C-alpha atoms as a PDB file:
ATOM      1  CA  UNK A   1     -15.526 -18.797  17.965  1.00  0.00           C
ATOM      2  CA  UNK A   2     -15.172 -19.008  21.746  1.00  0.00           C
ATOM      3  CA  UNK A   3     -11.622 -17.661  21.453  1.00  0.00           C
ATOM      4  CA  UNK A   4     -12.573 -14.386  19.768  1.00  0.00           C
ATOM      5  CA  UNK A   5     -15.691 -13.980  21.917  1.00  0.00           C
ATOM      6  CA  UNK A   6     -13.445 -14.220  24.965  1.00  0.00           C
ATOM      7  CA  UNK A   7     -11.008 -11.761  23.406  1.00  0.00           C
ATOM      8  CA  UNK A   8     -13.838  -9.280  22.833  1.00  0.00           C
ATOM      9  CA  UNK A   9     -15.069  -9.629  26.426  1.00  0.00           C
ATOM     10  CA  UNK A  10     -11.559  -8.717  27.561  1.00  0.00           C
ATOM     11  CA  UNK A  11     -11.018  -5.972  24.952  1.00  0.00           C
ATOM     12  CA  UNK A  12     -14.001  -4.658  23.009  1.00  0.00           C
ATOM     13  CA  UNK A  13     -11.684  -2.787  20.639  1.00  0.00           C
ATOM     14  CA  UNK A  14      -9.726  -5.874  19.548  1.00  0.00           C
ATOM     15  CA  UNK A  15      -9.912  -5.532  15.768  1.00  0.00           C
ATOM     16  CA  UNK A  16      -8.374  -8.957  15.181  1.00  0.00           C
ATOM     17  CA  UNK A  17     -11.239 -10.552  17.079  1.00  0.00           C
ATOM     18  CA  UNK A  18     -13.749  -8.309  15.305  1.00  0.00           C
ATOM     19  CA  UNK A  19     -12.263  -9.422  11.973  1.00  0.00           C
ATOM     20  CA  UNK A  20     -12.995 -13.057  12.833  1.00  0.00           C
ATOM     21  CA  UNK A  21     -16.512 -12.138  13.916  1.00  0.00           C
ATOM     22  CA  UNK A  22     -17.000 -10.373  10.567  1.00  0.00           C
ATOM     23  CA  UNK A  23     -15.708 -13.429   8.731  1.00  0.00           C
ATOM     24  CA  UNK A  24     -17.947 -15.742  10.752  1.00  0.00           C
ATOM     25  CA  UNK A  25     -21.100 -13.653  10.400  1.00  0.00           C
ATOM     26  CA  UNK A  26     -20.380 -11.956   7.079  1.00  0.00           C
ATOM     27  CA  UNK A  27     -21.040  -8.652   8.822  1.00  0.00           C
ATOM     28  CA  UNK A  28     -18.413  -6.461   7.178  1.00  0.00           C
ATOM     29  CA  UNK A  29     -20.314  -3.154   7.554  1.00  0.00           C
ATOM     30  CA  UNK A  30     -20.169  -3.494  11.348  1.00  0.00           C
ATOM     31  CA  UNK A  31     -16.482  -4.337  11.176  1.00  0.00           C
ATOM     32  CA  UNK A  32     -15.808  -1.312   8.937  1.00  0.00           C
ATOM     33  CA  UNK A  33     -17.729   0.981  11.286  1.00  0.00           C
ATOM     34  CA  UNK A  34     -15.362   0.044  14.129  1.00  0.00           C
ATOM     35  CA  UNK A  35     -12.297   1.234  12.237  1.00  0.00           C
ATOM     36  CA  UNK A  36     -11.663   4.892  12.960  1.00  0.00           C
ATOM     37  CA  UNK A  37      -8.382   5.132  11.069  1.00  0.00           C
ATOM     38  CA  UNK A  38      -7.326   4.040   7.570  1.00  0.00           C
ATOM     39  CA  UNK A  39      -9.227   0.839   6.783  1.00  0.00           C
ATOM     40  CA  UNK A  40      -6.526  -0.521   4.485  1.00  0.00           C
ATOM     41  CA  UNK A  41      -3.803  -0.014   7.085  1.00  0.00           C
ATOM     42  CA  UNK A  42      -5.842  -1.957   9.643  1.00  0.00           C
ATOM     43  CA  UNK A  43      -6.455  -4.714   7.082  1.00  0.00           C
ATOM     44  CA  UNK A  44      -2.739  -4.923   6.320  1.00  0.00           C
ATOM     45  CA  UNK A  45      -1.930  -5.209  10.030  1.00  0.00           C
ATOM     46  CA  UNK A  46      -4.391  -8.087  10.301  1.00  0.00           C
ATOM     47  CA  UNK A  47      -3.288  -9.654   6.996  1.00  0.00           C
ATOM     48  CA  UNK A  48       0.345  -9.717   8.058  1.00  0.00           C
ATOM     49  CA  UNK A  49      -0.489 -11.703  11.204  1.00  0.00           C
ATOM     50  CA  UNK A  50      -2.860 -14.015   9.328  1.00  0.00           C
ATOM     51  CA  UNK A  51      -0.210 -14.633   6.655  1.00  0.00           C
ATOM     52  CA  UNK A  52       2.269 -15.690   9.328  1.00  0.00           C
ATOM     53  CA  UNK A  53      -0.320 -18.287  10.384  1.00  0.00           C
ATOM     54  CA  UNK A  54      -0.912 -19.358   6.775  1.00  0.00           C
ATOM     55  CA  UNK A  55      -4.528 -18.168   6.826  1.00  0.00           C
ATOM     56  CA  UNK A  56      -4.618 -16.876   3.253  1.00  0.00           C
ATOM     57  CA  UNK A  57      -8.250 -17.823   2.691  1.00  0.00           C
ATOM     58  CA  UNK A  58      -9.216 -15.673   5.640  1.00  0.00           C
ATOM     59  CA  UNK A  59      -7.134 -12.762   4.331  1.00  0.00           C
ATOM     60  CA  UNK A  60      -8.842 -13.026   0.964  1.00  0.00           C
ATOM     61  CA  UNK A  61     -12.337 -13.273   2.463  1.00  0.00           C
ATOM     62  CA  UNK A  62     -11.678 -10.335   4.792  1.00  0.00           C
ATOM     63  CA  UNK A  63     -10.308  -8.053   2.074  1.00  0.00           C
ATOM     64  CA  UNK A  64     -13.065  -9.000  -0.375  1.00  0.00           C
ATOM     65  CA  UNK A  65     -15.716  -8.509   2.308  1.00  0.00           C
ATOM     66  CA  UNK A  66     -14.454  -5.099   3.337  1.00  0.00           C
ATOM     67  CA  UNK A  67     -13.956  -4.022  -0.292  1.00  0.00           C
ATOM     68  CA  UNK A  68     -17.705  -4.336  -0.856  1.00  0.00           C
ATOM     69  CA  UNK A  69     -18.205  -1.453   1.603  1.00  0.00           C
ATOM     70  CA  UNK A  70     -15.005   0.593   1.575  1.00  0.00           C
ATOM     71  CA  UNK A  71     -12.587   1.514  -1.206  1.00  0.00           C
ATOM     72  CA  UNK A  72      -9.205  -0.067  -0.629  1.00  0.00           C
ATOM     73  CA  UNK A  73      -5.868   1.242  -1.761  1.00  0.00           C
ATOM     74  CA  UNK A  74      -3.388  -0.334  -4.140  1.00  0.00           C
ATOM     75  CA  UNK A  75      -1.542  -2.370  -1.506  1.00  0.00           C
ATOM     76  CA  UNK A  76      -4.717  -4.250  -0.531  1.00  0.00           C
ATOM     77  CA  UNK A  77      -5.387  -4.901  -4.204  1.00  0.00           C
ATOM     78  CA  UNK A  78      -1.892  -6.338  -4.640  1.00  0.00           C
ATOM     79  CA  UNK A  79      -2.317  -8.560  -1.568  1.00  0.00           C
ATOM     80  CA  UNK A  80      -5.626  -9.858  -2.901  1.00  0.00           C
ATOM     81  CA  UNK A  81      -4.199 -10.464  -6.378  1.00  0.00           C
ATOM     82  CA  UNK A  82      -1.202 -12.284  -4.892  1.00  0.00           C
ATOM     83  CA  UNK A  83      -3.406 -14.610  -2.862  1.00  0.00           C
ATOM     84  CA  UNK A  84      -5.647 -15.252  -5.867  1.00  0.00           C
ATOM     85  CA  UNK A  85      -2.653 -15.843  -8.134  1.00  0.00           C
ATOM     86  CA  UNK A  86      -3.740 -13.100 -10.527  1.00  0.00           C
ATOM     87  CA  UNK A  87      -2.598  -9.657 -11.557  1.00  0.00           C
ATOM     88  CA  UNK A  88      -4.151  -6.489 -10.193  1.00  0.00           C
ATOM     89  CA  UNK A  89      -7.167  -6.109 -12.451  1.00  0.00           C
ATOM     90  CA  UNK A  90      -8.214  -2.512 -11.829  1.00  0.00           C
ATOM     91  CA  UNK A  91      -6.312   0.718 -11.588  1.00  0.00           C
ATOM     92  CA  UNK A  92      -5.223   1.069  -7.958  1.00  0.00           C
ATOM     93  CA  UNK A  93      -7.018   3.737  -5.963  1.00  0.00           C
ATOM     94  CA  UNK A  94      -6.109   5.915  -3.038  1.00  0.00           C
ATOM     95  CA  UNK A  95      -2.910   6.806  -1.333  1.00  0.00           C
ATOM     96  CA  UNK A  96      -0.852   3.918  -0.035  1.00  0.00           C
ATOM     97  CA  UNK A  97       2.021   3.809   2.412  1.00  0.00           C
ATOM     98  CA  UNK A  98       3.441   0.287   2.356  1.00  0.00           C
ATOM     99  CA  UNK A  99       5.788  -0.371   5.245  1.00  0.00           C
ATOM    100  CA  UNK A 100       5.447  -3.997   6.319  1.00  0.00           C
ATOM    101  CA  UNK A 101       7.751  -6.850   5.386  1.00  0.00           C
ATOM    102  CA  UNK A 102       4.671  -8.742   4.169  1.00  0.00           C
ATOM    103  CA  UNK A 103       3.838  -5.885   1.798  1.00  0.00           C
ATOM    104  CA  UNK A 104       7.397  -5.846   0.476  1.00  0.00           C
ATOM    105  CA  UNK A 105       7.213  -9.553  -0.343  1.00  0.00           C
ATOM    106  CA  UNK A 106       3.868  -9.047  -2.114  1.00  0.00           C
ATOM    107  CA  UNK A 107       5.161  -6.077  -4.128  1.00  0.00           C
ATOM    108  CA  UNK A 108       8.371  -7.910  -5.051  1.00  0.00           C
ATOM    109  CA  UNK A 109       6.270 -10.790  -6.395  1.00  0.00           C
ATOM    110  CA  UNK A 110       4.070  -8.349  -8.325  1.00  0.00           C
ATOM    111  CA  UNK A 111       7.143  -6.783  -9.936  1.00  0.00           C
ATOM    112  CA  UNK A 112       8.701 -10.185 -10.630  1.00  0.00           C
ATOM    113  CA  UNK A 113       5.539 -11.406 -12.348  1.00  0.00           C
ATOM    114  CA  UNK A 114       5.077  -8.150 -14.283  1.00  0.00           C
ATOM    115  CA  UNK A 115       8.177  -5.950 -14.511  1.00  0.00           C
ATOM    116  CA  UNK A 116       6.101  -3.381 -16.420  1.00  0.00           C
ATOM    117  CA  UNK A 117       3.763  -2.785 -13.478  1.00  0.00           C
ATOM    118  CA  UNK A 118       4.709   0.809 -12.733  1.00  0.00           C
ATOM    119  CA  UNK A 119       2.405   1.080  -9.708  1.00  0.00           C
ATOM    120  CA  UNK A 120       3.983  -1.947  -8.003  1.00  0.00           C
ATOM    121  CA  UNK A 121       7.437  -0.510  -8.777  1.00  0.00           C
ATOM    122  CA  UNK A 122       6.383   2.848  -7.347  1.00  0.00           C
ATOM    123  CA  UNK A 123       4.991   1.346  -4.143  1.00  0.00           C
ATOM    124  CA  UNK A 124       8.072  -0.844  -3.716  1.00  0.00           C
ATOM    125  CA  UNK A 125      10.253   2.257  -4.125  1.00  0.00           C
ATOM    126  CA  UNK A 126       8.195   4.065  -1.465  1.00  0.00           C
ATOM    127  CA  UNK A 127       8.560   1.147   0.926  1.00  0.00           C
ATOM    128  CA  UNK A 128      12.326   0.849   0.428  1.00  0.00           C
ATOM    129  CA  UNK A 129      12.899   4.579   0.702  1.00  0.00           C
ATOM    130  CA  UNK A 130      10.649   4.776   3.760  1.00  0.00           C
ATOM    131  CA  UNK A 131      12.700   2.034   5.433  1.00  0.00           C
ATOM    132  CA  UNK A 132      15.851   4.128   5.032  1.00  0.00           C
ATOM    133  CA  UNK A 133      17.143   2.044   2.131  1.00  0.00           C
ATOM    134  CA  UNK A 134      17.552   5.211   0.100  1.00  0.00           C
ATOM    135  CA  UNK A 135      19.682   3.946  -2.779  1.00  0.00           C
ATOM    136  CA  UNK A 136      17.387   0.943  -3.279  1.00  0.00           C
ATOM    137  CA  UNK A 137      14.408   3.265  -3.222  1.00  0.00           C
ATOM    138  CA  UNK A 138      15.992   5.633  -5.736  1.00  0.00           C
ATOM    139  CA  UNK A 139      16.899   2.749  -8.050  1.00  0.00           C
ATOM    140  CA  UNK A 140      13.347   1.415  -7.846  1.00  0.00           C
ATOM    141  CA  UNK A 141      11.878   4.856  -8.572  1.00  0.00           C
ATOM    142  CA  UNK A 142      14.187   5.158 -11.584  1.00  0.00           C
ATOM    143  CA  UNK A 143      12.979   1.760 -12.879  1.00  0.00           C
ATOM    144  CA  UNK A 144       9.439   3.001 -12.418  1.00  0.00           C
ATOM    145  CA  UNK A 145      10.176   6.186 -14.326  1.00  0.00           C
ATOM    146  CA  UNK A 146      11.557   4.131 -17.199  1.00  0.00           C
ATOM    147  CA  UNK A 147       8.044   2.656 -17.520  1.00  0.00           C
ATOM    148  CA  UNK A 148       6.389   6.043 -17.952  1.00  0.00           C
ATOM    149  CA  UNK A 149       6.034   9.556 -16.639  1.00  0.00           C
ATOM    150  CA  UNK A 150       4.537   9.876 -13.162  1.00  0.00           C
ATOM    151  CA  UNK A 151       4.573  13.104 -11.184  1.00  0.00           C
ATOM    152  CA  UNK A 152       4.726  11.145  -7.906  1.00  0.00           C
ATOM    153  CA  UNK A 153       7.944   9.439  -8.989  1.00  0.00           C
ATOM    154  CA  UNK A 154       9.458  12.735 -10.123  1.00  0.00           C
ATOM    155  CA  UNK A 155       8.498  14.263  -6.778  1.00  0.00           C
ATOM    156  CA  UNK A 156      10.001  11.395  -4.783  1.00  0.00           C
ATOM    157  CA  UNK A 157      13.195  11.456  -6.841  1.00  0.00           C
ATOM    158  CA  UNK A 158      13.454  15.214  -6.280  1.00  0.00           C
ATOM    159  CA  UNK A 159      13.229  14.669  -2.527  1.00  0.00           C
ATOM    160  CA  UNK A 160      15.734  11.808  -2.659  1.00  0.00           C
ATOM    161  CA  UNK A 161      18.284  13.687  -4.743  1.00  0.00           C
ATOM    162  CA  UNK A 162      17.982  16.749  -2.525  1.00  0.00           C
ATOM    163  CA  UNK A 163      17.973  14.992   0.855  1.00  0.00           C
ATOM    164  CA  UNK A 164      20.205  11.977   0.338  1.00  0.00           C
ATOM    165  CA  UNK A 165      22.367  12.580  -2.671  1.00  0.00           C
ATOM    166  CA  UNK A 166      22.727  16.309  -1.952  1.00  0.00           C
ATOM    167  CA  UNK A 167      22.320  17.024  -5.654  1.00  0.00           C
ATOM    168  CA  UNK A 168      20.223  20.183  -5.777  1.00  0.00           C
ATOM    169  CA  UNK A 169      20.471  20.595  -9.549  1.00  0.00           C
ATOM    170  CA  UNK A 170      19.018  17.149 -10.300  1.00  0.00           C
ATOM    171  CA  UNK A 171      16.468  17.570  -7.514  1.00  0.00           C
ATOM    172  CA  UNK A 172      15.237  20.818  -9.040  1.00  0.00           C
ATOM    173  CA  UNK A 173      14.996  19.233 -12.510  1.00  0.00           C
ATOM    174  CA  UNK A 174      12.891  16.392 -11.110  1.00  0.00           C
ATOM    175  CA  UNK A 175      10.693  18.797  -9.154  1.00  0.00           C
ATOM    176  CA  UNK A 176      10.057  20.864 -12.276  1.00  0.00           C
ATOM    177  CA  UNK A 177       9.014  17.684 -14.109  1.00  0.00           C
ATOM    178  CA  UNK A 178       6.768  16.783 -11.182  1.00  0.00           C
ATOM    179  CA  UNK A 179       5.097  20.186 -11.296  1.00  0.00           C
ATOM    180  CA  UNK A 180       4.679  20.060 -15.067  1.00  0.00           C
ATOM    181  CA  UNK A 181       3.122  16.582 -15.084  1.00  0.00           C
ATOM    182  CA  UNK A 182       1.019  16.778 -11.897  1.00  0.00           C
ATOM    183  CA  UNK A 183      -2.763  16.876 -12.174  1.00  0.00           C
ATOM    184  CA  UNK A 184      -4.271  20.344 -11.821  1.00  0.00           C
ATOM    185  CA  UNK A 185      -5.847  19.453  -8.468  1.00  0.00           C
ATOM    186  CA  UNK A 186      -2.505  18.336  -6.963  1.00  0.00           C
ATOM    187  CA  UNK A 187      -1.706  21.120  -4.503  1.00  0.00           C
ATOM    188  CA  UNK A 188       1.229  19.581  -2.634  1.00  0.00           C
ATOM    189  CA  UNK A 189       3.594  19.940  -5.590  1.00  0.00           C
ATOM    190  CA  UNK A 190       2.891  23.676  -5.778  1.00  0.00           C
ATOM    191  CA  UNK A 191       4.026  24.141  -2.184  1.00  0.00           C
ATOM    192  CA  UNK A 192       7.093  21.952  -2.598  1.00  0.00           C
ATOM    193  CA  UNK A 193       8.409  23.743  -5.668  1.00  0.00           C
END
């Protein structure tokens, strides 16, 4: 306790220290109110450091505590399920941008334990593609597509085929499928077509 109190005296915006205060006091609303950016991204930053220290109980308590007050995206749900040794129980919510090595390990385990988990495949494809591992990302998106139609996967494959494989014909076919299968309220696809 003295360690994080000292850290907060030196830097009142230290979210790692605030996370430990929230865990100690159970005051997750105050912790959430300090986060002015994406809550899940902050949690994943903290979780990655805590995982390196082997503090999985703290990761679980922090994610569960915050989840009572803020909706968390799919990546946080996969981290929580991995720590608990379970599968993701609810449909993932929100937009997720996995980018950390810790998240890749979690998503790889999710896919290994359930190869039919299209959301884990999709997120793993996003992570790989986002890291510049384009062919791995494309292959992962294609595995995901084999599990079922998803406009996001079609859209990402369209971008990949256009930008990295320089195959405009296939890119256009994927983009048309993305547009045809996208929800009516999805505006981004309209602009990209």
